[in-house]
Structures are given as C-alpha cells and as structure tokens.
Amino acid sequence: MLQGENNMSDQQSLGQLASAASSEVMIEINQMNKWYGQFHVLKDINLTVHKGERIVICGPSGSGKSTLIRCINALEEHQEGDIIVDGIVLGKNLKNLDHIRTEVGMVFQNFNLFPHLTILENLTLGPMWVRKMGRAEANEIAMQYLERVKIPEQADKYPGQMSGGQQQRVAIARSLCMSPKIMLFDEPTSALDPEMIKEVLDVMVDLADTGMTMIVVTHEMGFARTIADEVIFMDEGDIVETNKPADFFGNPEHERTQKFLSQIL
C-alpha cells in the first residue's frame, strides 16, 4: 500500500461525492501525437476533460504522462492532432499560448520558486505582471491563498527556509493566485520526503472539493481513489485504460493495467 493511502481513506467518500463535473468541455485532445526525434512519445492521444472533473494519470516511468500534461499548456509542442483548451486551439499563435498559460495553472515536481524572493513576492509576481494587479490587491489575494494552504505565517520567509512540503504548498498557492480555470499537477509529491507527502495531498484534496478542474500525474494511488472522477493508465505513449476509480482498482480491464497495479499496491 502506498504512502498516503491510509491517510486518505477517511476522506474518500467526501472527495468523490464532491465532484462538480459539468457538461462543459474544458480540454479536448484529438488524435494527438508527439515525437522526440525518432522516438514516438505520445501516440494517437484522445482525451476529453469537463469543467470540474478530476483526472488522475498514472503509469510507469517513461510512459508519457508528464509530456502529455506539458503539451496541454504548450510547455511541450505536439506535432500532430488537436489540443483545445478552454475553447482555444493550441498552435503557433502566441496570443493563444499566452491566454492558455494564464488560464491553466501548473505545479511541478520541484516547486520552481524564485529563491531570492520571499514567499509573498513569489505569489504576487504573476498577478502583478500578467494580470496587471496592484500590489495591495495582489498581497491580499496572496495571503488568502497562503491561508488556504495553511501557511500564512511563512509569507516573509524565503523558499530555502522552508521544508519541501511547505514549498510545494506555496507552489500550489502561487498557481491559485492567477485564478486559473484548470490546474495541472506533475507528480507534485515525488520530490518530497514521506512525512511531507500527506500535507500536500491534503491541500490538493481540499482544492478538488472546490470543483476545480484538475489533471494530476501521480503514483499516489490512495489519492487517486479519493479524488478522481476517472483514472487513466498510460504505458509506452498510449492511453491503455480509462475507468472510474472503483473499476480501475477493483476490476481493471487490461493486462498491462493489472500488472502495473500488482507491482505498486
């Protein structure tokens, strides 16, 4: 059983019942392909994510999970197929890319905080420069989100003075300060010590319960059981299986999924 699964069990029903998924499509991917040179990293990917839906993507290392979500906000460029985010087709149009990156928050494995800025300065930089928000309003919003991730007392510290779990919570708050419509998480707990994982997962469960549209790449299967509307299993650049958590974990359809789960659960 993975770290976090026991801690999540008491929240499982709440997380799943609180889903606010609607019929409005926020992300649509059609026959998307991506190569790194001759290496075909993503193969004919099709995916639809509705507003308020929580998607968890799992799979072995090198299966294309992180590359997929990096394509959604154009941190990676795909070569074939269509990616439509919030009604906008990703392509070469720089204005479209700027809009997508404004509306889509991204939380990485390694926090990516500016070490020379205080926590408050890290959080207000985006709203002030991108949203053209005044400093007082940006500070107020930043403090609201630091309260939400339960570390308002850390506002005047620098990232190096904080634990990894605290820094990742700051990274989540920083993304939320931009008022995104969609949040993407790329293995947000993989760089953390085991005792710090739960504090980050708890923040993400709380965020999921607000109805935020979320795609999470993770190996934390207890978290997947708790918050996911659907669980996607990827292997070798393919989406092998997409299923509801109860069926994904209780009765996986594909042999590759069964083998993966048998190795990690």
Protein backbone atom coordinates (compact mmCIF):
# COMPACT_ATOMS: atom_id res chain seq x y z
CA MET A 1 0.00 0.00 0.00
CA LEU A 2 1.45 3.40 -0.95
CA GLN A 3 2.18 6.33 1.37
CA GLY A 4 -0.95 8.39 1.83
CA GLU A 5 -3.49 5.61 1.15
CA ASN A 6 -4.37 5.00 4.79
CA ASN A 7 -4.43 8.74 5.45
CA MET A 8 -6.84 9.27 2.56
CA SER A 9 -9.34 6.54 3.39
CA ASP A 10 -11.46 8.66 5.73
CA GLN A 11 -11.79 11.36 3.05
CA GLN A 12 -12.54 9.04 0.15
CA SER A 13 -16.32 9.34 0.15
CA LEU A 14 -16.23 13.12 0.60
CA GLY A 15 -13.79 13.63 -2.26
CA GLN A 16 -15.72 11.51 -4.71
CA LEU A 17 -19.16 12.84 -3.78
CA ALA A 18 -18.00 16.45 -4.08
CA SER A 19 -17.28 16.22 -7.80
CA ALA A 20 -18.69 19.20 -9.65
CA ALA A 21 -18.07 17.96 -13.20
CA SER A 22 -20.39 19.51 -15.77
CA SER A 23 -21.12 19.05 -19.46
CA GLU A 24 -18.87 21.99 -20.40
CA VAL A 25 -15.67 20.75 -22.07
CA MET A 26 -12.50 22.40 -20.77
CA ILE A 27 -9.88 20.25 -22.53
CA GLU A 28 -10.28 18.25 -25.73
CA ILE A 29 -7.44 16.29 -27.31
CA ASN A 30 -7.96 14.57 -30.65
CA GLN A 31 -5.51 12.13 -32.26
CA MET A 32 -2.53 13.93 -30.76
CA ASN A 33 0.97 12.66 -31.50
CA LYS A 34 4.36 13.81 -30.33
CA TRP A 35 7.89 12.76 -31.18
CA TYR A 36 11.31 13.47 -29.73
CA GLY A 37 13.34 12.97 -32.88
CA GLN A 38 12.56 9.38 -33.91
CA PHE A 39 11.06 8.49 -30.52
CA HIS A 40 7.26 8.41 -30.64
CA VAL A 41 6.48 9.58 -27.10
CA LEU A 42 2.69 10.12 -27.40
CA LYS A 43 0.58 8.01 -29.75
CA ASP A 44 -2.88 9.00 -31.01
CA ILE A 45 -3.97 10.51 -27.69
CA ASN A 46 -7.69 11.23 -27.28
CA LEU A 47 -8.93 12.85 -24.08
CA THR A 48 -11.90 14.97 -23.02
CA VAL A 49 -11.99 16.74 -19.65
CA HIS A 50 -15.14 18.52 -18.47
CA LYS A 51 -15.36 21.51 -16.18
CA GLY A 52 -14.97 20.44 -12.56
CA GLU A 53 -13.66 16.99 -13.48
CA ARG A 54 -10.71 15.47 -11.64
CA ILE A 55 -8.49 13.20 -13.74
CA VAL A 56 -5.59 11.18 -12.33
CA ILE A 57 -2.97 9.85 -14.76
CA CYS A 58 -0.71 7.02 -13.65
CA GLY A 59 1.70 4.62 -15.28
CA PRO A 60 5.35 3.53 -15.26
CA SER A 61 8.21 5.98 -15.70
CA GLY A 62 8.70 6.97 -19.33
CA SER A 63 5.10 6.28 -20.31
CA GLY A 64 4.45 9.86 -21.48
CA LYS A 65 2.37 11.10 -18.54
CA SER A 66 4.29 14.29 -17.83
CA THR A 67 4.78 15.03 -21.50
CA LEU A 68 1.03 14.81 -22.03
CA ILE A 69 0.14 17.42 -19.44
CA ARG A 70 3.02 19.65 -20.54
CA CYS A 71 1.50 19.63 -24.03
CA ILE A 72 -1.80 20.88 -22.58
CA ASN A 73 -0.27 24.24 -21.64
CA ALA A 74 2.21 24.23 -24.54
CA LEU A 75 5.35 23.72 -22.46
CA GLU A 76 5.89 20.93 -24.99
CA GLU A 77 4.91 21.20 -28.66
CA HIS A 78 2.94 18.39 -30.29
CA GLN A 79 3.39 17.54 -33.96
CA GLU A 80 0.01 16.05 -34.95
CA GLY A 81 -3.60 16.29 -33.84
CA ASP A 82 -5.54 18.95 -31.96
CA ILE A 83 -5.43 20.24 -28.39
CA ILE A 84 -8.26 22.60 -27.48
CA VAL A 85 -8.14 24.25 -24.05
CA ASP A 86 -10.98 26.47 -22.83
CA GLY A 87 -12.20 26.71 -26.43
CA ILE A 88 -8.82 27.79 -27.84
CA VAL A 89 -6.84 25.64 -30.26
CA LEU A 90 -3.16 25.35 -29.33
CA GLY A 91 -0.88 26.24 -32.19
CA LYS A 92 1.66 28.85 -33.25
CA ASN A 93 -0.46 31.87 -32.26
CA LEU A 94 1.45 33.47 -29.38
CA LYS A 95 -1.61 35.31 -28.07
CA ASN A 96 -3.43 31.99 -27.76
CA LEU A 97 -0.47 30.50 -25.91
CA ASP A 98 -0.35 33.43 -23.51
CA HIS A 99 -4.07 33.07 -22.82
CA ILE A 100 -3.78 29.33 -22.18
CA ARG A 101 -0.86 29.76 -19.80
CA THR A 102 -2.81 32.41 -17.92
CA GLU A 103 -5.87 30.19 -17.52
CA VAL A 104 -4.01 26.93 -16.78
CA GLY A 105 -2.04 26.60 -13.53
CA MET A 106 0.86 24.17 -13.34
CA VAL A 107 2.51 22.65 -10.28
CA PHE A 108 5.82 20.88 -10.92
CA GLN A 109 7.79 18.23 -9.08
CA ASN A 110 10.48 20.61 -7.86
CA PHE A 111 8.47 23.68 -6.77
CA ASN A 112 10.23 26.15 -9.16
CA LEU A 113 10.06 29.01 -6.67
CA PHE A 114 12.36 32.01 -7.02
CA PRO A 115 14.89 31.53 -4.20
CA HIS A 116 15.79 35.24 -3.96
CA LEU A 117 12.17 36.33 -3.41
CA THR A 118 10.10 35.98 -0.26
CA ILE A 119 7.07 33.69 -0.33
CA LEU A 120 4.75 36.70 -0.62
CA GLU A 121 6.82 38.09 -3.51
CA ASN A 122 6.73 34.71 -5.26
CA LEU A 123 2.94 34.71 -5.06
CA THR A 124 2.36 38.31 -6.16
CA LEU A 125 4.74 38.35 -9.12
CA GLY A 126 2.31 36.71 -11.60
CA PRO A 127 -0.82 38.68 -10.66
CA MET A 128 1.09 41.98 -10.82
CA TRP A 129 2.93 41.34 -14.09
CA VAL A 130 0.44 39.22 -16.01
CA ARG A 131 -2.92 40.29 -14.53
CA LYS A 132 -1.72 43.90 -14.07
CA MET A 133 -2.97 43.84 -10.49
CA GLY A 134 -1.98 46.47 -7.94
CA ARG A 135 0.41 45.45 -5.18
CA ALA A 136 -2.11 45.85 -2.36
CA GLU A 137 -4.71 43.66 -4.10
CA ALA A 138 -2.06 41.10 -5.07
CA ASN A 139 -0.83 40.95 -1.47
CA GLU A 140 -4.36 40.45 -0.20
CA ILE A 141 -5.05 37.61 -2.62
CA ALA A 142 -1.67 36.01 -1.88
CA MET A 143 -2.40 36.00 1.85
CA GLN A 144 -5.84 34.48 1.22
CA TYR A 145 -4.25 31.55 -0.62
CA LEU A 146 -1.48 31.15 1.94
CA GLU A 147 -4.29 30.84 4.50
CA ARG A 148 -5.94 28.26 2.26
CA VAL A 149 -2.80 26.10 2.13
CA LYS A 150 -2.34 26.66 5.88
CA ILE A 151 0.99 28.53 5.94
CA PRO A 152 0.19 32.27 6.20
CA GLU A 153 2.92 32.67 8.82
CA GLN A 154 5.54 31.84 6.17
CA ALA A 155 4.81 34.90 3.99
CA ASP A 156 8.04 36.77 4.79
CA LYS A 157 10.35 33.75 4.62
CA TYR A 158 12.44 32.66 1.65
CA PRO A 159 11.95 29.25 0.00
CA GLY A 160 15.24 27.95 1.38
CA GLN A 161 13.95 28.47 4.91
CA MET A 162 11.00 26.11 4.38
CA SER A 163 10.51 22.35 4.17
CA GLY A 164 9.81 20.68 0.84
CA GLY A 165 6.17 20.13 1.75
CA GLN A 166 5.76 23.82 2.63
CA GLN A 167 7.43 24.87 -0.62
CA GLN A 168 5.08 22.69 -2.64
CA ARG A 169 2.10 24.22 -0.85
CA VAL A 170 3.49 27.64 -1.78
CA ALA A 171 3.74 26.48 -5.40
CA ILE A 172 0.05 25.48 -5.32
CA ALA A 173 -0.92 28.82 -3.77
CA ARG A 174 1.13 30.66 -6.40
CA SER A 175 -0.82 28.98 -9.20
CA LEU A 176 -4.14 29.70 -7.49
CA CYS A 177 -3.27 33.40 -7.23
CA MET A 178 -3.66 33.58 -11.02
CA SER A 179 -7.30 32.40 -10.74
CA PRO A 180 -6.80 29.53 -13.21
CA LYS A 181 -9.69 27.59 -14.69
CA ILE A 182 -7.63 24.39 -14.83
CA MET A 183 -4.86 23.03 -12.60
CA LEU A 184 -2.22 20.58 -13.80
CA PHE A 185 -0.03 18.69 -11.31
CA ASP A 186 3.11 16.88 -12.49
CA GLU A 187 3.97 14.34 -9.77
CA PRO A 188 3.75 17.03 -7.08
CA THR A 189 4.84 14.73 -4.22
CA SER A 190 7.65 12.80 -5.92
CA ALA A 191 10.42 15.10 -4.62
CA LEU A 192 9.11 15.07 -1.04
CA ASP A 193 10.12 13.04 1.98
CA PRO A 194 7.38 10.57 3.01
CA GLU A 195 6.31 12.56 6.07
CA MET A 196 5.70 15.65 3.91
CA ILE A 197 3.52 13.94 1.30
CA LYS A 198 0.29 13.96 3.29
CA GLU A 199 0.32 17.73 3.88
CA VAL A 200 0.50 18.38 0.14
CA LEU A 201 -2.11 15.74 -0.70
CA ASP A 202 -4.47 17.21 1.89
CA VAL A 203 -4.24 20.61 0.19
CA MET A 204 -4.96 19.01 -3.18
CA VAL A 205 -7.99 17.15 -1.80
CA ASP A 206 -9.33 20.43 -0.42
CA LEU A 207 -8.79 22.05 -3.82
CA ALA A 208 -10.58 19.21 -5.60
CA ASP A 209 -13.56 19.64 -3.28
CA THR A 210 -13.97 23.24 -4.50
CA GLY A 211 -14.81 21.99 -8.02
CA MET A 212 -11.51 22.93 -9.68
CA THR A 213 -10.84 21.16 -12.99
CA MET A 214 -7.71 19.10 -12.28
CA ILE A 215 -5.37 16.72 -14.06
CA VAL A 216 -2.89 15.06 -11.72
CA VAL A 217 0.05 12.87 -12.70
CA THR A 218 0.88 10.83 -9.61
CA HIS A 219 1.85 7.45 -8.18
CA GLU A 220 -0.20 8.12 -5.02
CA MET A 221 -2.97 5.57 -5.56
CA GLY A 222 -4.72 6.41 -2.30
CA PHE A 223 -5.06 9.97 -3.58
CA ALA A 224 -6.38 8.67 -6.90
CA ARG A 225 -9.06 6.64 -5.11
CA THR A 226 -10.02 9.71 -3.09
CA ILE A 227 -10.40 12.49 -5.64
CA ALA A 228 -10.53 11.06 -9.15
CA ASP A 229 -13.60 11.05 -11.34
CA GLU A 230 -11.55 8.95 -13.78
CA VAL A 231 -8.18 7.25 -13.61
CA ILE A 232 -6.08 6.97 -16.76
CA PHE A 233 -3.32 4.39 -17.13
CA MET A 234 -0.59 5.13 -19.68
CA ASP A 235 2.19 2.91 -20.97
CA GLU A 236 4.68 3.45 -23.82
CA GLY A 237 2.93 6.60 -25.01
CA ASP A 238 -0.55 5.05 -25.17
CA ILE A 239 -3.64 5.59 -23.05
CA VAL A 240 -4.20 1.94 -22.19
CA GLU A 241 -7.20 2.26 -19.90
CA THR A 242 -9.60 4.92 -18.63
CA ASN A 243 -12.01 3.97 -15.88
CA LYS A 244 -13.83 5.05 -12.73
CA PRO A 245 -11.67 4.52 -9.62
CA ALA A 246 -13.78 1.64 -8.26
CA ASP A 247 -13.48 -0.29 -11.52
CA PHE A 248 -9.90 0.76 -12.20
CA PHE A 249 -8.66 -0.60 -8.88
CA GLY A 250 -11.24 -3.33 -8.36
CA ASN A 251 -11.58 -4.76 -11.84
CA PRO A 252 -9.01 -3.39 -14.32
CA GLU A 253 -9.79 -4.34 -17.92
CA HIS A 254 -6.32 -4.63 -19.43
CA GLU A 255 -3.49 -6.99 -18.55
CA ARG A 256 -0.95 -4.13 -18.60
CA THR A 257 -3.05 -2.25 -16.03
CA GLN A 258 -3.36 -5.36 -13.87
CA LYS A 259 0.40 -5.89 -13.93
CA PHE A 260 1.09 -2.25 -13.03
CA LEU A 261 -1.32 -2.31 -10.08
CA SER A 262 0.03 -5.64 -8.84
CA GLN A 263 3.50 -4.06 -8.63
CA ILE A 264 2.56 -0.91 -6.73
CA LEU A 265 -0.38 -1.85 -4.48
